[in-house]
Amino acid sequence: MESDLSLVRSAQSGEIRAFDRLVLKYRARVVELAMRYTRNSADAEDAAQEAFIRAYRGLQQFRCESAFYTWLYRIASNCARNLLKARSRDLINGTVELPDEQNAADPPARLQDLETPEELTLTDEIRGMVGATLEKLSEAHRAVITLREIDGLSYQEIASEMSIPVGTVRSRVFRARDIIDRQLRRVYDGGLGRRTM
């Protein structure tokens, strides 16, 4: 099996099939990543497609100083966020249809299942704080914590993916968790559940 580096080099020299193999390898992970942002499969597919188009167009500028997936991950998250911004602008500029009187007595089932407003607010604050903290992490720390906690890769798999020692992966994951925990304690006393000294 060819390494990402050799596939990237082949694609940069004009071999389209090499880039196709990268798409096949990472498509599911990119769609899953986009889904975490969009929470909508059609939007996730759109964001993933846009990410691969941008990656293909920018491939000549990719200097292979980081792992290909790390670079692709950054492109995909930007595409998903941009899509969300565009959708929210559409919602603001669009119209809202109110239910007619006959259906007003029977709210949709998903509205009946919602937690209390306080719980929803806390959940939004936690999600917002974690998202903002992830954005502020260095690229190296953001990549390892995402590969570990979101993609579920082992330390060894991350080390192989990023071409760094396992010990470096462990220290970066520890540091990223620590930063997220400290920021999360601003809105939620329990943080990530880590013991504080």
Protein backbone atom coordinates (compact mmCIF):
# COMPACT_ATOMS: atom_id res chain seq x y z
CA MET A 1 0.00 0.00 0.00
CA GLU A 2 1.39 3.38 -1.01
CA SER A 3 2.00 5.97 1.66
CA ASP A 4 0.15 9.27 1.64
CA LEU A 5 3.41 11.05 0.85
CA SER A 6 4.04 9.00 -2.29
CA LEU A 7 0.41 9.43 -3.39
CA VAL A 8 0.63 13.19 -2.84
CA ARG A 9 3.90 13.39 -4.78
CA SER A 10 2.37 11.39 -7.65
CA ALA A 11 -0.75 13.57 -7.64
CA GLN A 12 1.40 16.71 -7.63
CA SER A 13 3.20 15.42 -10.71
CA GLY A 14 -0.12 15.07 -12.53
CA GLU A 15 -1.23 11.51 -11.79
CA ILE A 16 -4.96 11.97 -11.15
CA ARG A 17 -5.44 8.35 -10.02
CA ALA A 18 -3.13 9.02 -7.07
CA PHE A 19 -5.41 11.78 -5.82
CA ASP A 20 -8.42 9.48 -6.42
CA ARG A 21 -6.80 6.96 -4.07
CA LEU A 22 -6.42 9.65 -1.40
CA VAL A 23 -10.09 10.55 -1.82
CA LEU A 24 -11.09 6.90 -1.45
CA LYS A 25 -8.93 6.54 1.64
CA TYR A 26 -10.21 9.64 3.45
CA ARG A 27 -13.71 10.26 2.08
CA ALA A 28 -15.58 8.56 4.95
CA ARG A 29 -13.51 10.36 7.59
CA VAL A 30 -14.01 13.74 5.92
CA VAL A 31 -17.78 13.21 5.65
CA GLU A 32 -17.86 12.16 9.32
CA LEU A 33 -15.88 15.26 10.28
CA ALA A 34 -18.23 17.52 8.30
CA MET A 35 -21.22 15.76 9.87
CA ARG A 36 -20.03 16.80 13.34
CA TYR A 37 -20.28 20.41 12.23
CA THR A 38 -23.38 20.31 10.03
CA ARG A 39 -25.43 17.55 11.72
CA ASN A 40 -27.00 16.97 8.30
CA SER A 41 -25.84 14.27 5.91
CA ALA A 42 -26.56 16.23 2.72
CA ASP A 43 -24.64 19.25 4.02
CA ALA A 44 -21.81 16.98 5.21
CA GLU A 45 -21.54 15.45 1.74
CA ASP A 46 -21.49 18.95 0.18
CA ALA A 47 -18.78 20.12 2.59
CA ALA A 48 -16.71 16.98 1.95
CA GLN A 49 -16.97 17.42 -1.80
CA GLU A 50 -15.91 21.05 -1.51
CA ALA A 51 -13.00 20.03 0.73
CA PHE A 52 -11.67 17.56 -1.81
CA ILE A 53 -12.07 20.09 -4.63
CA ARG A 54 -10.11 22.67 -2.64
CA ALA A 55 -7.49 20.09 -1.68
CA TYR A 56 -7.05 19.11 -5.32
CA ARG A 57 -6.74 22.74 -6.41
CA GLY A 58 -4.28 23.52 -3.60
CA LEU A 59 -2.24 20.34 -3.89
CA GLN A 60 0.66 22.05 -5.68
CA GLN A 61 1.05 24.40 -2.68
CA PHE A 62 1.03 21.52 -0.15
CA ARG A 63 4.67 21.23 0.98
CA CYS A 64 4.29 17.92 2.86
CA GLU A 65 5.52 19.53 6.10
CA SER A 66 2.55 18.01 7.94
CA ALA A 67 0.63 14.81 7.36
CA PHE A 68 -1.73 14.93 4.37
CA TYR A 69 -4.77 14.17 6.58
CA THR A 70 -3.87 17.02 8.94
CA TRP A 71 -3.86 19.41 5.98
CA LEU A 72 -7.06 17.89 4.57
CA TYR A 73 -8.71 18.02 8.02
CA ARG A 74 -8.11 21.77 8.22
CA ILE A 75 -9.58 22.30 4.74
CA ALA A 76 -12.60 20.11 5.55
CA SER A 77 -13.35 21.86 8.84
CA ASN A 78 -13.14 25.24 7.12
CA CYS A 79 -15.51 24.05 4.37
CA ALA A 80 -18.01 22.73 6.93
CA ARG A 81 -17.88 25.98 8.93
CA ASN A 82 -18.29 28.07 5.77
CA LEU A 83 -21.28 25.97 4.76
CA LEU A 84 -22.85 26.50 8.19
CA LYS A 85 -22.32 30.26 7.94
CA ALA A 86 -23.95 30.27 4.50
CA ARG A 87 -26.89 28.24 5.80
CA SER A 88 -27.39 30.56 8.77
CA ARG A 89 -27.37 33.57 6.44
CA ASP A 90 -30.01 31.81 4.34
CA LEU A 91 -32.13 31.23 7.46
CA ILE A 92 -31.85 34.86 8.52
CA ASN A 93 -32.82 36.07 5.06
CA GLY A 94 -35.53 33.42 4.61
CA THR A 95 -39.04 33.28 5.94
CA VAL A 96 -40.42 31.25 8.82
CA GLU A 97 -43.61 29.31 8.31
CA LEU A 98 -45.82 29.06 11.38
CA PRO A 99 -48.00 25.97 11.86
CA ASP A 100 -51.71 26.38 11.24
CA GLU A 101 -54.06 26.36 14.24
CA GLN A 102 -55.14 22.76 13.63
CA ASN A 103 -51.59 21.37 14.05
CA ALA A 104 -50.51 23.78 16.79
CA ALA A 105 -51.90 21.53 19.56
CA ASP A 106 -49.61 18.65 18.48
CA PRO A 107 -46.00 19.86 18.61
CA PRO A 108 -43.47 17.74 16.73
CA ALA A 109 -42.18 14.78 18.75
CA ARG A 110 -38.61 16.11 18.79
CA LEU A 111 -39.77 19.29 20.57
CA GLN A 112 -41.49 17.22 23.25
CA ASP A 113 -38.23 15.37 23.96
CA LEU A 114 -36.06 18.43 24.62
CA GLU A 115 -34.41 18.92 27.97
CA THR A 116 -35.11 21.94 30.14
CA PRO A 117 -34.04 25.34 28.79
CA GLU A 118 -31.31 25.45 31.46
CA GLU A 119 -29.87 22.10 30.33
CA LEU A 120 -30.00 23.15 26.68
CA THR A 121 -28.24 26.42 27.48
CA LEU A 122 -25.50 24.61 29.42
CA THR A 123 -25.06 22.11 26.58
CA ASP A 124 -24.73 24.95 24.05
CA GLU A 125 -22.26 26.76 26.30
CA ILE A 126 -20.16 23.61 26.73
CA ARG A 127 -20.21 22.87 23.00
CA GLY A 128 -19.32 26.50 22.23
CA MET A 129 -16.48 26.56 24.76
CA VAL A 130 -14.99 23.27 23.51
CA GLY A 131 -15.28 24.42 19.89
CA ALA A 132 -13.69 27.79 20.62
CA THR A 133 -10.88 26.15 22.59
CA LEU A 134 -10.20 23.65 19.79
CA GLU A 135 -9.91 26.55 17.35
CA LYS A 136 -7.34 28.27 19.58
CA LEU A 137 -5.15 25.18 19.96
CA SER A 138 -2.00 24.98 17.88
CA GLU A 139 -2.41 22.96 14.70
CA ALA A 140 -0.31 20.14 16.17
CA HIS A 141 -2.42 19.88 19.34
CA ARG A 142 -5.73 20.27 17.48
CA ALA A 143 -4.78 17.52 15.04
CA VAL A 144 -3.81 14.95 17.69
CA ILE A 145 -6.81 15.59 19.96
CA THR A 146 -9.17 15.38 16.98
CA LEU A 147 -7.60 12.19 15.67
CA ARG A 148 -7.72 10.68 19.18
CA GLU A 149 -11.04 11.86 20.61
CA ILE A 150 -13.15 12.37 17.50
CA ASP A 151 -11.74 9.94 14.95
CA GLY A 152 -10.94 7.35 17.64
CA LEU A 153 -7.43 6.53 16.43
CA SER A 154 -4.97 4.84 18.77
CA TYR A 155 -1.80 6.64 19.83
CA GLN A 156 0.19 4.36 17.52
CA GLU A 157 -2.11 5.10 14.56
CA ILE A 158 -1.80 8.85 15.18
CA ALA A 159 1.98 8.57 15.42
CA SER A 160 2.05 6.72 12.11
CA GLU A 161 -0.41 9.15 10.48
CA MET A 162 1.54 12.23 11.56
CA SER A 163 5.04 10.72 11.36
CA ILE A 164 5.88 11.59 14.98
CA PRO A 165 6.88 9.44 17.99
CA VAL A 166 4.14 7.90 20.15
CA GLY A 167 5.48 9.80 23.17
CA THR A 168 4.96 13.09 21.33
CA VAL A 169 1.39 12.06 20.53
CA ARG A 170 0.71 11.23 24.19
CA SER A 171 2.13 14.53 25.45
CA ARG A 172 0.20 16.57 22.87
CA VAL A 173 -3.05 14.76 23.68
CA PHE A 174 -2.45 15.32 27.41
CA ARG A 175 -1.70 19.01 26.86
CA ALA A 176 -4.74 19.52 24.61
CA ARG A 177 -7.04 17.80 27.14
CA ASP A 178 -5.61 19.95 29.91
CA ILE A 179 -6.22 23.17 27.96
CA ILE A 180 -9.79 22.12 27.06
CA ASP A 181 -10.48 21.09 30.68
CA ARG A 182 -9.34 24.44 32.08
CA GLN A 183 -11.45 26.40 29.58
CA LEU A 184 -14.47 24.15 30.10
CA ARG A 185 -14.42 24.77 33.86
CA ARG A 186 -15.38 28.38 33.08
CA VAL A 187 -18.89 27.23 32.12
CA TYR A 188 -19.13 23.79 33.76
CA ASP A 189 -17.68 22.97 37.18
CA GLY A 190 -16.89 19.37 36.26
CA GLY A 191 -14.77 20.26 33.25
CA LEU A 192 -13.68 17.06 31.53
CA GLY A 193 -13.83 15.26 34.88
CA ARG A 194 -10.08 15.52 35.37
CA ARG A 195 -8.67 15.92 38.87
CA THR A 196 -7.30 19.35 39.64
CA MET A 197 -4.21 19.80 41.77
